[in-house]
C-alpha atoms as a PDB file:
ATOM      1  CA  MET A   1     -39.129  15.203  32.529  1.00  0.00           C
ATOM      2  CA  ARG A   2     -38.433  17.224  35.686  1.00  0.00           C
ATOM      3  CA  LYS A   3     -35.296  15.980  36.218  1.00  0.00           C
ATOM      4  CA  VAL A   4     -33.871  16.741  32.602  1.00  0.00           C
ATOM      5  CA  ARG A   5     -34.617  20.727  33.009  1.00  0.00           C
ATOM      6  CA  ILE A   6     -33.027  20.755  36.527  1.00  0.00           C
ATOM      7  CA  ILE A   7     -29.752  19.306  34.680  1.00  0.00           C
ATOM      8  CA  PHE A   8     -30.441  21.487  31.700  1.00  0.00           C
ATOM      9  CA  GLN A   9     -30.849  24.482  34.313  1.00  0.00           C
ATOM     10  CA  HIS A  10     -27.442  23.934  35.918  1.00  0.00           C
ATOM     11  CA  TYR A  11     -25.341  23.359  33.141  1.00  0.00           C
ATOM     12  CA  PHE A  12     -26.509  26.227  31.031  1.00  0.00           C
ATOM     13  CA  ASN A  13     -26.713  28.460  34.266  1.00  0.00           C
ATOM     14  CA  PRO A  14     -23.964  31.560  33.669  1.00  0.00           C
ATOM     15  CA  LEU A  15     -22.094  30.934  36.954  1.00  0.00           C
ATOM     16  CA  HIS A  16     -21.345  27.371  35.746  1.00  0.00           C
ATOM     17  CA  VAL A  17     -20.498  28.567  32.187  1.00  0.00           C
ATOM     18  CA  TYR A  18     -17.936  31.034  33.883  1.00  0.00           C
ATOM     19  CA  CYS A  19     -16.519  28.221  35.749  1.00  0.00           C
ATOM     20  CA  ARG A  20     -16.261  25.677  33.387  1.00  0.00           C
ATOM     21  CA  LEU A  21     -14.248  28.620  31.237  1.00  0.00           C
ATOM     22  CA  ARG A  22     -12.011  29.522  34.325  1.00  0.00           C
ATOM     23  CA  GLU A  23     -11.152  25.670  34.330  1.00  0.00           C
ATOM     24  CA  ILE A  24      -9.922  25.372  31.171  1.00  0.00           C
ATOM     25  CA  GLY A  25      -7.456  28.433  31.593  1.00  0.00           C
ATOM     26  CA  VAL A  26      -9.858  31.522  29.961  1.00  0.00           C
ATOM     27  CA  ASP A  27      -8.927  34.721  32.264  1.00  0.00           C
ATOM     28  CA  THR A  28     -11.104  36.065  34.586  1.00  0.00           C
ATOM     29  CA  CYS A  29     -12.127  39.493  32.503  1.00  0.00           C
ATOM     30  CA  THR A  30     -12.667  37.257  29.169  1.00  0.00           C
ATOM     31  CA  ALA A  31     -14.880  34.754  31.056  1.00  0.00           C
ATOM     32  CA  GLN A  32     -16.986  37.333  32.620  1.00  0.00           C
ATOM     33  CA  ARG A  33     -17.420  39.144  29.158  1.00  0.00           C
ATOM     34  CA  VAL A  34     -18.338  36.127  27.928  1.00  0.00           C
ATOM     35  CA  CYS A  35     -20.716  35.192  30.278  1.00  0.00           C
ATOM     36  CA  THR A  36     -22.433  38.525  30.657  1.00  0.00           C
ATOM     37  CA  VAL A  37     -23.163  38.594  26.685  1.00  0.00           C
ATOM     38  CA  TYR A  38     -24.297  34.769  27.471  1.00  0.00           C
ATOM     39  CA  GLU A  39     -26.144  35.637  30.317  1.00  0.00           C
ATOM     40  CA  ARG A  40     -28.212  38.694  28.495  1.00  0.00           C
ATOM     41  CA  LEU A  41     -29.053  37.034  24.709  1.00  0.00           C
ATOM     42  CA  ILE A  42     -28.943  33.563  25.665  1.00  0.00           C
ATOM     43  CA  TYR A  43     -29.685  32.189  28.894  1.00  0.00           C
ATOM     44  CA  ARG A  44     -32.958  34.750  29.587  1.00  0.00           C
ATOM     45  CA  ALA A  45     -34.447  33.218  26.311  1.00  0.00           C
ATOM     46  CA  LEU A  46     -33.893  29.032  27.771  1.00  0.00           C
ATOM     47  CA  ARG A  47     -35.386  30.363  31.019  1.00  0.00           C
ATOM     48  CA  PHE A  48     -38.835  30.288  29.645  1.00  0.00           C
ATOM     49  CA  PHE A  49     -38.657  26.593  28.218  1.00  0.00           C
END
C-alpha cells in the first residue's frame, strides 16, 4: 500500500502536473495558473489521504 501512495504522490504533485502540461504544449503562464489552482483546491485535499 505504501508503494501505491508514493506513486500517487509523485503523479499528483503540482510540479509533475506542470511539467506534463508544458510537455503537451501548454504555454508557461497558463500551466502555472492551472497548477496554482490545482495545488490550492485539489492537491492539498489529496495530501491527507
